[in-house]
Structures are given as C-alpha cells and as structure tokens.
Amino acid sequence: MTLRDSVRRLATRLGLGSGGVRAGPEAVLGTVAEDDSPTETLVDAGVIRPVADGYVLADEFENRWLDSMAPFREATAEQIADGIRGVRPDATVGVEDRDGRPTLVVADGWDGGTLELSRAAAIADVAAVNTLAGSDVAPTDRLACLSVLRRHLGECPDCGTVLVEETDVDDGSTVVACPDCRAELSRS
C-alpha cells in the first residue's frame, strides 16, 4: 500500500472521503488504526487511567499537556495554524471568521475534505500531539486520540475558564464547552 493509499484510508475513516466538512468538537486532526480504540491506546500508554465512573488523565501527562498549552493562549490564530501545520504537514490550514470567532480550517491535501476547529480545540490538539511525543503512543496513533483527550479537560485551553457540561436541547447530546469564549471541546 502506498502512502497516498494510506492517507486516503485515513480520510475515509474520518468521514472526509466525499470532500465534506467535519466540524465541531469531534473533528480531530487524524484517526487511530482501524483495530485500535483511542481510549485503549491511551490507557495502554499510561496517559489516562480508569476510575469508577470512566477515565481520568494521568497526573504527569496532564501537567505536561497543560504546560504545553500555555504559550498558545497568547498566540495569534495564524500561529496556532502554524502549530497545526507542524503536526499535519500534508494539510492546508487557514483561519476563517465564524460568528466573530476564529475557526481553523484544515483541508486535507489528498481528497479535499476539511475539518473546522475552534481556537480552543486547536490549541488542545496541537499541545496534545506535542505532549504525546513523550509517551508510548505511536506517532501514527497520536492524532486519533485527540477527541478522547479533550473530553478530560477541566478548563478552556484558550482562556483558562472552567469548562461546563451542558445538554444540547436539539439532540440531547452532552456538550463540554467554555462559558466565556463559547468554544465546544467535546460532544457525546
């Protein structure tokens, strides 16, 4: 299988095969190998650990991840886009204004599909990929673990406000969001 085929398979698993847009908090910069669960991958690497009612971040990983987010809080949207380019060199990354907030748009170079990430989600994701580099998570699996990791954040990666959990009245899903900057970080 060629690199191009591998990337196309990756895009298909992300739902990008038709060139559509993946938006919102569940949009991530990549996906895990077909037979692996991102949660299992993170548990096996000691990044998260099981507790009675789910999972929590391992203290060491959480501290390193939060530290790696800090510089991005002062970064411009274009600097954050550069961070995405660093972890997704195969994609084209731009910044667009959506409802008065910057949205980072990641266009896949192989099939034309796009991801839309809030500034907060992009900060969390770029910092997570960089932090996972010091773990036992394989480089090919790091991107796939991002949405799982974001579910465990306690504060907004962008403004530092404590995140709240709300129920979406339209579809009943649980949303973890920032009440100040209105960024969604997770939806389940």
N, C-alpha and C. Protein backbone atom coordinates (compact mmCIF):
# COMPACT_ATOMS: atom_id res chain seq x y z
N MET A 1 0.85 -1.17 0.00
CA MET A 1 0.00 0.00 0.00
C MET A 1 0.90 1.23 0.00
N THR A 2 0.59 2.20 -0.85
CA THR A 2 1.39 3.42 -0.93
C THR A 2 0.98 4.39 0.16
N LEU A 3 1.82 5.40 0.38
CA LEU A 3 1.50 6.44 1.35
C LEU A 3 0.19 7.13 0.96
N ARG A 4 0.00 7.38 -0.31
CA ARG A 4 -1.22 8.05 -0.78
C ARG A 4 -2.45 7.20 -0.44
N ASP A 5 -2.37 5.87 -0.60
CA ASP A 5 -3.49 4.99 -0.26
C ASP A 5 -3.76 5.03 1.24
N SER A 6 -2.69 5.02 2.03
CA SER A 6 -2.86 5.08 3.48
C SER A 6 -3.56 6.36 3.91
N VAL A 7 -3.16 7.46 3.32
CA VAL A 7 -3.78 8.74 3.66
C VAL A 7 -5.25 8.75 3.22
N ARG A 8 -5.55 8.19 2.08
CA ARG A 8 -6.95 8.14 1.63
C ARG A 8 -7.79 7.28 2.57
N ARG A 9 -7.25 6.15 3.03
CA ARG A 9 -7.97 5.32 4.01
C ARG A 9 -8.22 6.10 5.28
N LEU A 10 -7.21 6.84 5.70
CA LEU A 10 -7.34 7.68 6.89
C LEU A 10 -8.46 8.69 6.70
N ALA A 11 -8.48 9.36 5.58
CA ALA A 11 -9.52 10.35 5.31
C ALA A 11 -10.90 9.72 5.27
N THR A 12 -11.01 8.53 4.70
CA THR A 12 -12.29 7.84 4.65
C THR A 12 -12.78 7.53 6.06
N ARG A 13 -11.90 7.05 6.92
CA ARG A 13 -12.28 6.75 8.31
C ARG A 13 -12.69 8.01 9.04
N LEU A 14 -12.15 9.16 8.63
CA LEU A 14 -12.53 10.43 9.25
C LEU A 14 -13.85 10.96 8.69
N GLY A 15 -14.38 10.32 7.67
CA GLY A 15 -15.59 10.83 7.05
C GLY A 15 -15.31 11.92 6.05
N LEU A 16 -14.09 11.97 5.54
CA LEU A 16 -13.72 13.03 4.62
C LEU A 16 -13.63 12.55 3.17
N GLY A 17 -13.96 11.31 2.93
CA GLY A 17 -13.80 10.75 1.60
C GLY A 17 -14.58 11.46 0.52
N SER A 18 -15.69 12.09 0.86
CA SER A 18 -16.51 12.76 -0.14
C SER A 18 -16.19 14.24 -0.27
N GLY A 19 -15.17 14.71 0.45
CA GLY A 19 -14.84 16.12 0.37
C GLY A 19 -15.70 16.96 1.28
N GLY A 20 -16.46 16.34 2.18
CA GLY A 20 -17.34 17.07 3.06
C GLY A 20 -16.61 17.77 4.17
N VAL A 21 -17.35 18.52 4.96
CA VAL A 21 -16.77 19.26 6.06
C VAL A 21 -17.06 18.53 7.36
N ARG A 22 -16.03 18.30 8.16
CA ARG A 22 -16.18 17.79 9.53
C ARG A 22 -16.02 19.00 10.41
N ALA A 23 -16.99 19.32 11.19
CA ALA A 23 -16.91 20.50 12.04
C ALA A 23 -17.23 20.12 13.47
N GLY A 24 -16.92 21.02 14.37
CA GLY A 24 -17.30 20.86 15.76
C GLY A 24 -16.26 20.16 16.59
N PRO A 25 -16.61 19.89 17.84
CA PRO A 25 -15.63 19.38 18.79
C PRO A 25 -15.17 17.97 18.51
N GLU A 26 -15.92 17.19 17.75
CA GLU A 26 -15.49 15.84 17.48
C GLU A 26 -14.56 15.78 16.27
N ALA A 27 -14.41 16.88 15.55
CA ALA A 27 -13.47 16.91 14.45
C ALA A 27 -12.06 16.88 15.04
N VAL A 28 -11.24 16.00 14.53
CA VAL A 28 -9.87 15.87 15.03
C VAL A 28 -8.91 15.94 13.87
N LEU A 29 -7.66 16.03 14.18
CA LEU A 29 -6.65 16.14 13.14
C LEU A 29 -6.27 14.81 12.52
N GLY A 30 -6.79 13.69 13.00
CA GLY A 30 -6.44 12.39 12.45
C GLY A 30 -7.24 11.28 13.07
N THR A 31 -6.87 10.04 12.81
CA THR A 31 -7.59 8.89 13.35
C THR A 31 -6.64 7.77 13.72
N VAL A 32 -7.09 6.85 14.55
CA VAL A 32 -6.27 5.73 15.03
C VAL A 32 -6.38 4.55 14.07
N ALA A 33 -5.46 3.61 14.20
CA ALA A 33 -5.51 2.40 13.38
C ALA A 33 -6.88 1.74 13.55
N GLU A 34 -7.35 1.10 12.49
CA GLU A 34 -8.71 0.55 12.46
C GLU A 34 -9.04 -0.38 13.62
N ASP A 35 -8.10 -1.19 14.04
CA ASP A 35 -8.38 -2.20 15.06
C ASP A 35 -8.18 -1.70 16.49
N ASP A 36 -7.75 -0.46 16.67
CA ASP A 36 -7.46 0.06 17.98
C ASP A 36 -8.49 1.10 18.41
N SER A 37 -8.77 1.13 19.69
CA SER A 37 -9.61 2.16 20.28
C SER A 37 -8.68 3.25 20.82
N PRO A 38 -8.96 4.52 20.53
CA PRO A 38 -8.11 5.57 21.10
C PRO A 38 -8.05 5.50 22.62
N THR A 39 -9.17 5.16 23.26
CA THR A 39 -9.16 5.06 24.72
C THR A 39 -8.22 3.95 25.17
N GLU A 40 -8.29 2.80 24.54
CA GLU A 40 -7.39 1.69 24.89
C GLU A 40 -5.94 2.08 24.65
N THR A 41 -5.68 2.76 23.55
CA THR A 41 -4.33 3.20 23.23
C THR A 41 -3.80 4.11 24.35
N LEU A 42 -4.63 5.04 24.81
CA LEU A 42 -4.21 5.98 25.86
C LEU A 42 -4.03 5.29 27.21
N VAL A 43 -4.90 4.31 27.52
CA VAL A 43 -4.75 3.55 28.77
C VAL A 43 -3.46 2.74 28.72
N ASP A 44 -3.23 2.04 27.61
CA ASP A 44 -2.02 1.22 27.48
C ASP A 44 -0.75 2.05 27.62
N ALA A 45 -0.80 3.31 27.19
CA ALA A 45 0.38 4.18 27.26
C ALA A 45 0.49 4.90 28.61
N GLY A 46 -0.49 4.72 29.49
CA GLY A 46 -0.44 5.38 30.79
C GLY A 46 -0.80 6.86 30.73
N VAL A 47 -1.47 7.29 29.67
CA VAL A 47 -1.86 8.69 29.51
C VAL A 47 -3.16 8.96 30.26
N ILE A 48 -4.10 8.01 30.21
CA ILE A 48 -5.31 8.07 31.02
C ILE A 48 -5.40 6.79 31.83
N ARG A 49 -6.17 6.85 32.90
CA ARG A 49 -6.33 5.65 33.73
C ARG A 49 -7.80 5.50 34.08
N PRO A 50 -8.23 4.24 34.20
CA PRO A 50 -9.63 4.00 34.54
C PRO A 50 -9.89 4.34 36.01
N VAL A 51 -11.08 4.89 36.25
CA VAL A 51 -11.61 5.13 37.59
C VAL A 51 -13.03 4.59 37.61
N ALA A 52 -13.68 4.63 38.75
CA ALA A 52 -15.00 4.02 38.91
C ALA A 52 -16.01 4.49 37.86
N ASP A 53 -16.00 5.76 37.51
CA ASP A 53 -17.01 6.28 36.59
C ASP A 53 -16.46 6.69 35.23
N GLY A 54 -15.35 6.11 34.81
CA GLY A 54 -14.80 6.43 33.49
C GLY A 54 -13.29 6.43 33.50
N TYR A 55 -12.71 7.53 33.03
CA TYR A 55 -11.26 7.66 32.93
C TYR A 55 -10.85 9.06 33.36
N VAL A 56 -9.61 9.18 33.81
CA VAL A 56 -9.03 10.48 34.13
C VAL A 56 -7.63 10.53 33.53
N LEU A 57 -7.15 11.74 33.32
CA LEU A 57 -5.79 11.91 32.83
C LEU A 57 -4.80 11.51 33.92
N ALA A 58 -3.73 10.88 33.52
CA ALA A 58 -2.63 10.60 34.45
C ALA A 58 -2.01 11.93 34.82
N ASP A 59 -1.67 12.10 36.09
CA ASP A 59 -1.19 13.39 36.58
C ASP A 59 -0.01 13.93 35.79
N GLU A 60 0.99 13.11 35.55
CA GLU A 60 2.18 13.58 34.83
C GLU A 60 1.83 14.07 33.44
N PHE A 61 1.02 13.28 32.72
CA PHE A 61 0.63 13.70 31.37
C PHE A 61 -0.18 14.99 31.42
N GLU A 62 -1.14 15.06 32.34
CA GLU A 62 -1.99 16.26 32.44
C GLU A 62 -1.14 17.51 32.68
N ASN A 63 -0.18 17.43 33.59
CA ASN A 63 0.67 18.59 33.88
C ASN A 63 1.48 19.01 32.67
N ARG A 64 2.06 18.05 31.96
CA ARG A 64 2.84 18.38 30.76
C ARG A 64 1.95 18.96 29.66
N TRP A 65 0.74 18.39 29.51
CA TRP A 65 -0.19 18.87 28.48
C TRP A 65 -0.61 20.30 28.77
N LEU A 66 -1.02 20.57 29.99
CA LEU A 66 -1.44 21.92 30.35
C LEU A 66 -0.29 22.91 30.17
N ASP A 67 0.91 22.52 30.55
CA ASP A 67 2.07 23.39 30.36
C ASP A 67 2.31 23.69 28.88
N SER A 68 2.09 22.69 28.03
CA SER A 68 2.34 22.90 26.60
C SER A 68 1.25 23.74 25.93
N MET A 69 0.07 23.87 26.57
CA MET A 69 -0.98 24.73 26.03
C MET A 69 -0.73 26.20 26.32
N ALA A 70 -0.07 26.49 27.43
CA ALA A 70 0.08 27.86 27.91
C ALA A 70 0.61 28.84 26.86
N PRO A 71 1.66 28.52 26.12
CA PRO A 71 2.16 29.50 25.14
C PRO A 71 1.15 29.84 24.04
N PHE A 72 0.25 28.90 23.74
CA PHE A 72 -0.72 29.13 22.67
C PHE A 72 -1.80 30.13 23.06
N ARG A 73 -2.01 30.33 24.35
CA ARG A 73 -3.04 31.28 24.79
C ARG A 73 -2.76 32.69 24.29
N GLU A 74 -1.51 33.02 24.16
CA GLU A 74 -1.11 34.36 23.68
C GLU A 74 -0.85 34.38 22.18
N ALA A 75 -0.94 33.23 21.53
CA ALA A 75 -0.63 33.14 20.11
C ALA A 75 -1.78 33.68 19.26
N THR A 76 -1.43 34.15 18.09
CA THR A 76 -2.45 34.55 17.13
C THR A 76 -3.04 33.29 16.51
N ALA A 77 -4.18 33.45 15.87
CA ALA A 77 -4.80 32.31 15.19
C ALA A 77 -3.87 31.76 14.11
N GLU A 78 -3.13 32.62 13.45
CA GLU A 78 -2.20 32.17 12.42
C GLU A 78 -1.05 31.37 13.03
N GLN A 79 -0.58 31.75 14.22
CA GLN A 79 0.46 30.98 14.89
C GLN A 79 -0.06 29.59 15.29
N ILE A 80 -1.32 29.53 15.72
CA ILE A 80 -1.92 28.24 16.03
C ILE A 80 -2.04 27.41 14.76
N ALA A 81 -2.40 28.06 13.66
CA ALA A 81 -2.46 27.36 12.37
C ALA A 81 -1.08 26.79 12.02
N ASP A 82 -0.02 27.54 12.32
CA ASP A 82 1.34 27.02 12.09
C ASP A 82 1.59 25.78 12.93
N GLY A 83 1.06 25.76 14.16
CA GLY A 83 1.18 24.57 15.01
C GLY A 83 0.50 23.37 14.39
N ILE A 84 -0.68 23.60 13.80
CA ILE A 84 -1.38 22.51 13.11
C ILE A 84 -0.57 22.03 11.92
N ARG A 85 0.00 22.99 11.18
CA ARG A 85 0.83 22.60 10.03
C ARG A 85 2.01 21.73 10.47
N GLY A 86 2.50 21.98 11.68
CA GLY A 86 3.60 21.19 12.19
C GLY A 86 3.23 19.74 12.47
N VAL A 87 1.97 19.50 12.85
CA VAL A 87 1.54 18.12 13.11
C VAL A 87 0.78 17.51 11.94
N ARG A 88 0.38 18.32 10.98
CA ARG A 88 -0.31 17.84 9.77
C ARG A 88 0.31 18.49 8.54
N PRO A 89 1.58 18.20 8.23
CA PRO A 89 2.24 18.85 7.10
C PRO A 89 1.59 18.52 5.75
N ASP A 90 0.77 17.49 5.71
CA ASP A 90 0.10 17.11 4.47
C ASP A 90 -1.15 17.94 4.19
N ALA A 91 -1.57 18.77 5.14
CA ALA A 91 -2.82 19.52 5.00
C ALA A 91 -2.55 21.00 4.78
N THR A 92 -3.57 21.66 4.23
CA THR A 92 -3.55 23.11 4.09
C THR A 92 -4.39 23.67 5.24
N VAL A 93 -3.85 24.65 5.95
CA VAL A 93 -4.52 25.19 7.12
C VAL A 93 -4.75 26.68 6.92
N GLY A 94 -5.98 27.11 7.19
CA GLY A 94 -6.31 28.53 7.11
C GLY A 94 -7.13 28.95 8.31
N VAL A 95 -7.32 30.25 8.43
CA VAL A 95 -8.11 30.80 9.52
C VAL A 95 -9.28 31.58 8.92
N GLU A 96 -10.49 31.27 9.39
CA GLU A 96 -11.68 31.98 8.93
C GLU A 96 -12.45 32.49 10.14
N ASP A 97 -13.20 33.57 9.93
CA ASP A 97 -14.02 34.12 10.99
C ASP A 97 -15.40 33.47 10.93
N ARG A 98 -15.83 32.88 12.02
CA ARG A 98 -17.16 32.26 12.12
C ARG A 98 -17.84 32.84 13.35
N ASP A 99 -18.89 33.57 13.17
CA ASP A 99 -19.64 34.17 14.27
C ASP A 99 -18.74 35.01 15.17
N GLY A 100 -17.82 35.74 14.57
CA GLY A 100 -16.93 36.62 15.32
C GLY A 100 -15.80 35.91 16.03
N ARG A 101 -15.62 34.62 15.77
CA ARG A 101 -14.55 33.84 16.41
C ARG A 101 -13.70 33.19 15.33
N PRO A 102 -12.39 33.09 15.57
CA PRO A 102 -11.55 32.42 14.58
C PRO A 102 -11.81 30.92 14.57
N THR A 103 -11.91 30.38 13.38
CA THR A 103 -12.04 28.94 13.18
C THR A 103 -10.87 28.50 12.32
N LEU A 104 -10.20 27.46 12.75
CA LEU A 104 -9.08 26.94 11.98
C LEU A 104 -9.62 25.87 11.04
N VAL A 105 -9.39 26.06 9.77
CA VAL A 105 -9.90 25.17 8.74
C VAL A 105 -8.74 24.37 8.18
N VAL A 106 -8.84 23.05 8.31
CA VAL A 106 -7.78 22.14 7.89
C VAL A 106 -8.30 21.38 6.68
N ALA A 107 -7.69 21.64 5.53
CA ALA A 107 -8.09 20.97 4.28
C ALA A 107 -7.08 19.88 3.98
N ASP A 108 -7.59 18.66 3.82
CA ASP A 108 -6.75 17.52 3.52
C ASP A 108 -6.24 17.64 2.09
N GLY A 109 -4.95 17.49 1.92
CA GLY A 109 -4.34 17.62 0.60
C GLY A 109 -4.68 16.52 -0.36
N TRP A 110 -5.17 15.36 0.13
CA TRP A 110 -5.40 14.22 -0.75
C TRP A 110 -6.79 14.15 -1.31
N ASP A 111 -7.80 14.47 -0.49
CA ASP A 111 -9.16 14.30 -1.01
C ASP A 111 -10.01 15.56 -0.93
N GLY A 112 -9.48 16.66 -0.47
CA GLY A 112 -10.22 17.91 -0.44
C GLY A 112 -11.17 18.06 0.72
N GLY A 113 -11.25 17.09 1.64
CA GLY A 113 -12.11 17.20 2.81
C GLY A 113 -11.55 18.23 3.77
N THR A 114 -12.41 18.78 4.63
CA THR A 114 -11.95 19.78 5.57
C THR A 114 -12.45 19.50 6.98
N LEU A 115 -11.67 19.96 7.95
CA LEU A 115 -12.03 19.95 9.36
C LEU A 115 -12.13 21.39 9.80
N GLU A 116 -13.05 21.69 10.70
CA GLU A 116 -13.14 23.01 11.28
C GLU A 116 -12.97 22.88 12.78
N LEU A 117 -11.97 23.58 13.32
CA LEU A 117 -11.65 23.50 14.74
C LEU A 117 -11.75 24.88 15.37
N SER A 118 -12.35 24.96 16.55
CA SER A 118 -12.31 26.21 17.29
C SER A 118 -10.87 26.46 17.71
N ARG A 119 -10.59 27.69 18.04
CA ARG A 119 -9.26 28.05 18.52
C ARG A 119 -8.89 27.18 19.73
N ALA A 120 -9.82 27.01 20.68
CA ALA A 120 -9.56 26.22 21.88
C ALA A 120 -9.27 24.76 21.55
N ALA A 121 -10.05 24.17 20.65
CA ALA A 121 -9.82 22.78 20.26
C ALA A 121 -8.49 22.63 19.55
N ALA A 122 -8.14 23.58 18.71
CA ALA A 122 -6.86 23.53 18.00
C ALA A 122 -5.68 23.63 18.98
N ILE A 123 -5.80 24.51 19.98
CA ILE A 123 -4.75 24.63 20.99
C ILE A 123 -4.58 23.30 21.71
N ALA A 124 -5.70 22.73 22.17
CA ALA A 124 -5.64 21.46 22.89
C ALA A 124 -5.03 20.36 22.02
N ASP A 125 -5.43 20.31 20.76
CA ASP A 125 -4.96 19.24 19.88
C ASP A 125 -3.47 19.35 19.56
N VAL A 126 -3.00 20.55 19.22
CA VAL A 126 -1.58 20.71 18.89
C VAL A 126 -0.74 20.43 20.13
N ALA A 127 -1.15 20.94 21.29
CA ALA A 127 -0.41 20.68 22.53
C ALA A 127 -0.43 19.20 22.87
N ALA A 128 -1.55 18.52 22.63
CA ALA A 128 -1.64 17.09 22.93
C ALA A 128 -0.71 16.28 22.04
N VAL A 129 -0.67 16.58 20.75
CA VAL A 129 0.23 15.84 19.86
C VAL A 129 1.67 16.02 20.31
N ASN A 130 2.04 17.25 20.67
CA ASN A 130 3.40 17.50 21.13
C ASN A 130 3.68 16.79 22.45
N THR A 131 2.71 16.76 23.36
CA THR A 131 2.89 16.09 24.64
C THR A 131 2.93 14.58 24.47
N LEU A 132 2.11 14.05 23.58
CA LEU A 132 2.10 12.60 23.34
C LEU A 132 3.43 12.12 22.76
N ALA A 133 4.21 13.03 22.20
CA ALA A 133 5.52 12.65 21.66
C ALA A 133 6.41 12.08 22.76
N GLY A 134 6.14 12.43 24.01
CA GLY A 134 6.92 11.90 25.12
C GLY A 134 6.28 10.69 25.78
N SER A 135 5.34 10.06 25.09
CA SER A 135 4.62 8.91 25.66
C SER A 135 4.85 7.68 24.79
N ASP A 136 4.18 6.59 25.17
CA ASP A 136 4.27 5.36 24.39
C ASP A 136 3.20 5.26 23.30
N VAL A 137 2.55 6.37 22.97
CA VAL A 137 1.56 6.36 21.89
C VAL A 137 2.32 6.53 20.58
N ALA A 138 2.11 5.60 19.67
CA ALA A 138 2.81 5.62 18.38
C ALA A 138 2.48 6.89 17.61
N PRO A 139 3.45 7.43 16.88
CA PRO A 139 3.20 8.65 16.10
C PRO A 139 1.97 8.53 15.19
N THR A 140 1.75 7.35 14.63
CA THR A 140 0.61 7.17 13.73
C THR A 140 -0.72 7.19 14.46
N ASP A 141 -0.72 7.00 15.79
CA ASP A 141 -1.96 6.97 16.56
C ASP A 141 -2.25 8.25 17.33
N ARG A 142 -1.29 9.14 17.43
CA ARG A 142 -1.46 10.34 18.26
C ARG A 142 -2.63 11.21 17.85
N LEU A 143 -2.78 11.43 16.56
CA LEU A 143 -3.85 12.31 16.09
C LEU A 143 -5.23 11.75 16.43
N ALA A 144 -5.35 10.44 16.44
CA ALA A 144 -6.64 9.81 16.68
C ALA A 144 -7.10 9.94 18.12
N CYS A 145 -6.20 10.20 19.02
CA CYS A 145 -6.52 10.25 20.44
C CYS A 145 -6.99 11.62 20.91
N LEU A 146 -6.99 12.60 20.03
CA LEU A 146 -7.24 13.97 20.43
C LEU A 146 -8.63 14.22 21.00
N SER A 147 -9.67 13.72 20.36
CA SER A 147 -11.02 13.99 20.87
C SER A 147 -11.25 13.32 22.22
N VAL A 148 -10.63 12.15 22.42
CA VAL A 148 -10.74 11.47 23.73
C VAL A 148 -10.07 12.32 24.79
N LEU A 149 -8.90 12.84 24.49
CA LEU A 149 -8.19 13.67 25.46
C LEU A 149 -8.97 14.93 25.81
N ARG A 150 -9.55 15.60 24.80
CA ARG A 150 -10.30 16.83 25.05
C ARG A 150 -11.46 16.63 26.02
N ARG A 151 -12.03 15.42 26.06
CA ARG A 151 -13.14 15.14 26.98
C ARG A 151 -12.71 15.25 28.44
N HIS A 152 -11.42 15.19 28.68
CA HIS A 152 -10.91 15.19 30.05
C HIS A 152 -10.37 16.54 30.51
N LEU A 153 -10.55 17.57 29.69
CA LEU A 153 -10.09 18.89 30.08
C LEU A 153 -11.01 19.49 31.15
N GLY A 154 -10.43 20.20 32.10
CA GLY A 154 -11.21 20.87 33.13
C GLY A 154 -11.37 22.35 32.86
N GLU A 155 -10.43 22.90 32.08
CA GLU A 155 -10.51 24.32 31.77
C GLU A 155 -10.23 24.56 30.30
N CYS A 156 -10.70 25.69 29.82
CA CYS A 156 -10.56 26.03 28.41
C CYS A 156 -9.08 26.23 28.06
N PRO A 157 -8.61 25.57 27.01
CA PRO A 157 -7.22 25.72 26.60
C PRO A 157 -6.90 27.14 26.13
N ASP A 158 -7.91 27.89 25.73
CA ASP A 158 -7.69 29.23 25.19
C ASP A 158 -7.74 30.30 26.28
N CYS A 159 -8.77 30.31 27.11
CA CYS A 159 -8.93 31.40 28.06
C CYS A 159 -8.78 30.99 29.52
N GLY A 160 -8.70 29.70 29.80
CA GLY A 160 -8.49 29.23 31.16
C GLY A 160 -9.73 29.14 32.02
N THR A 161 -10.90 29.42 31.47
CA THR A 161 -12.15 29.35 32.22
C THR A 161 -12.53 27.89 32.47
N VAL A 162 -13.13 27.63 33.63
CA VAL A 162 -13.59 26.28 33.95
C VAL A 162 -14.67 25.89 32.95
N LEU A 163 -14.51 24.72 32.35
CA LEU A 163 -15.48 24.23 31.36
C LEU A 163 -16.74 23.75 32.05
N VAL A 164 -17.86 23.85 31.35
CA VAL A 164 -19.14 23.37 31.88
C VAL A 164 -19.68 22.28 30.96
N GLU A 165 -20.48 21.42 31.55
CA GLU A 165 -21.13 20.35 30.79
C GLU A 165 -22.61 20.71 30.67
N GLU A 166 -23.11 20.70 29.45
CA GLU A 166 -24.50 21.07 29.18
C GLU A 166 -25.13 20.01 28.29
N THR A 167 -26.45 20.00 28.27
CA THR A 167 -27.18 19.12 27.36
C THR A 167 -27.70 19.96 26.21
N ASP A 168 -27.41 19.51 24.99
CA ASP A 168 -27.90 20.19 23.80
C ASP A 168 -29.39 19.90 23.68
N VAL A 169 -30.22 20.95 23.68
CA VAL A 169 -31.67 20.75 23.64
C VAL A 169 -32.14 20.18 22.30
N ASP A 170 -31.37 20.38 21.24
CA ASP A 170 -31.77 19.89 19.93
C ASP A 170 -31.59 18.39 19.76
N ASP A 171 -30.46 17.86 20.24
CA ASP A 171 -30.20 16.44 20.01
C ASP A 171 -29.94 15.63 21.28
N GLY A 172 -29.97 16.27 22.45
CA GLY A 172 -29.81 15.56 23.72
C GLY A 172 -28.38 15.16 24.03
N SER A 173 -27.42 15.55 23.18
CA SER A 173 -26.03 15.19 23.44
C SER A 173 -25.47 16.02 24.59
N THR A 174 -24.42 15.49 25.21
CA THR A 174 -23.73 16.20 26.27
C THR A 174 -22.57 16.97 25.66
N VAL A 175 -22.51 18.27 25.98
CA VAL A 175 -21.51 19.14 25.40
C VAL A 175 -20.65 19.71 26.53
N VAL A 176 -19.34 19.62 26.36
CA VAL A 176 -18.41 20.28 27.26
C VAL A 176 -17.94 21.54 26.53
N ALA A 177 -18.19 22.69 27.15
CA ALA A 177 -17.91 23.95 26.48
C ALA A 177 -17.40 25.00 27.45
N CYS A 178 -16.85 26.06 26.89
CA CYS A 178 -16.37 27.19 27.69
C CYS A 178 -17.47 28.24 27.74
N PRO A 179 -17.91 28.63 28.93
CA PRO A 179 -18.97 29.64 29.01
C PRO A 179 -18.51 31.03 28.61
N ASP A 180 -17.19 31.30 28.64
CA ASP A 180 -16.70 32.63 28.29
C ASP A 180 -16.46 32.79 26.79
N CYS A 181 -15.65 31.92 26.21
CA CYS A 181 -15.32 32.08 24.79
C CYS A 181 -16.22 31.26 23.87
N ARG A 182 -17.15 30.50 24.45
CA ARG A 182 -18.16 29.74 23.73
C ARG A 182 -17.60 28.61 22.87
N ALA A 183 -16.40 28.19 23.14
CA ALA A 183 -15.79 27.09 22.38
C ALA A 183 -16.31 25.76 22.91
N GLU A 184 -16.69 24.88 21.99
CA GLU A 184 -17.04 23.49 22.36
C GLU A 184 -15.78 22.66 22.30
N LEU A 185 -15.58 21.82 23.32
CA LEU A 185 -14.41 20.96 23.33
C LEU A 185 -14.76 19.50 23.14
N SER A 186 -15.98 19.13 23.51
CA SER A 186 -16.36 17.72 23.42
C SER A 186 -17.88 17.62 23.31
N ARG A 187 -18.32 16.61 22.56
CA ARG A 187 -19.75 16.32 22.43
C ARG A 187 -19.90 14.80 22.43
N SER A 188 -20.80 14.32 23.29
CA SER A 188 -21.01 12.87 23.31
C SER A 188 -22.49 12.56 23.45
